[in-house]
Amino acid sequence: MQQKAAQMIEAFQQVTAEDDIKIQHDANIQLAIKSIKERGMKRFVAQIFALDGTIISNKGQIQRIVLNPLYPIVDRIRIALQALLQTYQIAVVVGKT
């Protein structure tokens, strides 16, 4: 589990370090990135692991992550996860879990 968390931290650091992010113009994405930079990756990863949700996969490939809508900052986390996982074509949505 620590290795997965370390990989996630590394991937997000790459996303936030790149000046050339195609989605930089999106204010919500910028807010999520700012939030991660201010609060730190460890806290963000801890929040992700604390979330209720469902992971939907097909043949071992994650296709969709459904997050619990009752979590206080679920929209920020959804936006940040979506930015991270879009290159892997994994949908991140808020809905019934």
Protein backbone atom coordinates (compact mmCIF):
# COMPACT_ATOMS: atom_id res chain seq x y z
CA MET A 1 0.00 0.00 0.00
CA GLN A 2 2.87 2.38 0.75
CA GLN A 3 4.31 1.69 -2.70
CA LYS A 4 0.96 2.56 -4.34
CA ALA A 5 0.76 5.76 -2.29
CA ALA A 6 4.32 6.67 -3.28
CA GLN A 7 3.48 6.09 -6.95
CA MET A 8 0.39 8.26 -6.65
CA ILE A 9 2.38 11.02 -4.96
CA GLU A 10 5.03 10.88 -7.67
CA ALA A 11 2.44 10.99 -10.46
CA PHE A 12 0.68 13.97 -8.93
CA GLN A 13 3.94 15.82 -8.38
CA GLN A 14 4.65 15.39 -12.08
CA VAL A 15 1.21 16.74 -12.96
CA THR A 16 1.56 19.78 -10.70
CA ALA A 17 5.17 20.43 -11.79
CA GLU A 18 4.43 20.53 -15.51
CA ASP A 19 4.05 24.02 -16.92
CA ASP A 20 2.48 22.66 -20.05
CA ILE A 21 -0.67 21.06 -18.65
CA LYS A 22 -3.31 21.12 -21.36
CA ILE A 23 -6.01 21.76 -18.82
CA GLN A 24 -4.39 24.76 -17.12
CA HIS A 25 -7.08 27.11 -18.32
CA ASP A 26 -9.72 25.34 -16.26
CA ALA A 27 -10.22 27.29 -13.02
CA ASN A 28 -11.41 24.21 -11.13
CA ILE A 29 -8.29 22.28 -12.03
CA GLN A 30 -6.15 25.21 -10.93
CA LEU A 31 -8.02 25.33 -7.62
CA ALA A 32 -7.39 21.61 -7.06
CA ILE A 33 -3.70 21.93 -7.90
CA LYS A 34 -3.38 24.97 -5.63
CA SER A 35 -5.09 23.07 -2.84
CA ILE A 36 -2.68 20.14 -3.21
CA LYS A 37 0.34 22.42 -3.25
CA GLU A 38 -0.85 24.29 -0.14
CA ARG A 39 -1.90 21.27 1.91
CA GLY A 40 0.63 18.77 0.64
CA MET A 41 0.54 15.45 -1.17
CA LYS A 42 0.50 13.31 1.96
CA ARG A 43 -2.71 14.93 3.15
CA PHE A 44 -4.30 14.60 -0.30
CA VAL A 45 -3.40 10.91 -0.55
CA ALA A 46 -4.68 10.33 2.99
CA GLN A 47 -7.99 11.95 2.02
CA ILE A 48 -8.26 9.75 -1.06
CA PHE A 49 -7.69 6.59 0.96
CA ALA A 50 -10.28 7.74 3.51
CA LEU A 51 -13.01 8.18 0.90
CA ASP A 52 -15.97 5.89 0.50
CA GLY A 53 -16.40 4.85 -3.06
CA THR A 54 -16.53 2.15 -5.66
CA ILE A 55 -13.92 1.14 -8.20
CA ILE A 56 -15.34 -0.35 -11.37
CA SER A 57 -13.01 -2.47 -13.46
CA ASN A 58 -13.19 -4.68 -16.50
CA LYS A 59 -10.66 -7.45 -17.04
CA GLY A 60 -8.39 -6.00 -14.35
CA GLN A 61 -8.40 -2.48 -15.81
CA ILE A 62 -9.91 0.31 -13.71
CA GLN A 63 -12.50 2.12 -15.80
CA ARG A 64 -14.40 4.25 -13.33
CA ILE A 65 -14.15 5.52 -9.78
CA VAL A 66 -17.40 6.53 -8.09
CA LEU A 67 -16.94 8.78 -5.05
CA ASN A 68 -19.34 9.24 -2.13
CA PRO A 69 -21.18 12.57 -2.61
CA LEU A 70 -21.43 13.13 1.16
CA TYR A 71 -17.68 13.69 1.63
CA PRO A 72 -17.11 17.41 2.45
CA ILE A 73 -14.60 18.26 -0.31
CA VAL A 74 -15.56 15.58 -2.80
CA ASP A 75 -15.68 18.01 -5.74
CA ARG A 76 -12.09 19.14 -5.25
CA ILE A 77 -10.91 15.57 -4.91
CA ARG A 78 -12.91 14.48 -7.99
CA ILE A 79 -11.40 17.28 -10.06
CA ALA A 80 -7.86 16.52 -8.90
CA LEU A 81 -8.24 12.77 -9.45
CA GLN A 82 -9.78 13.39 -12.86
CA ALA A 83 -6.76 15.49 -13.86
CA LEU A 84 -4.40 12.77 -12.69
CA LEU A 85 -6.26 9.84 -14.21
CA GLN A 86 -7.50 11.27 -17.50
CA THR A 87 -4.40 10.06 -19.34
CA TYR A 88 -5.31 6.54 -18.23
CA GLN A 89 -8.89 7.01 -19.45
CA ILE A 90 -10.33 6.42 -15.98
CA ALA A 91 -13.55 8.28 -15.27
CA VAL A 92 -13.98 9.84 -11.83
CA VAL A 93 -17.55 10.65 -10.86
CA VAL A 94 -19.59 11.53 -7.80
CA GLY A 95 -22.59 9.33 -7.22
CA LYS A 96 -24.16 6.56 -5.23
CA THR A 97 -21.60 4.13 -3.85
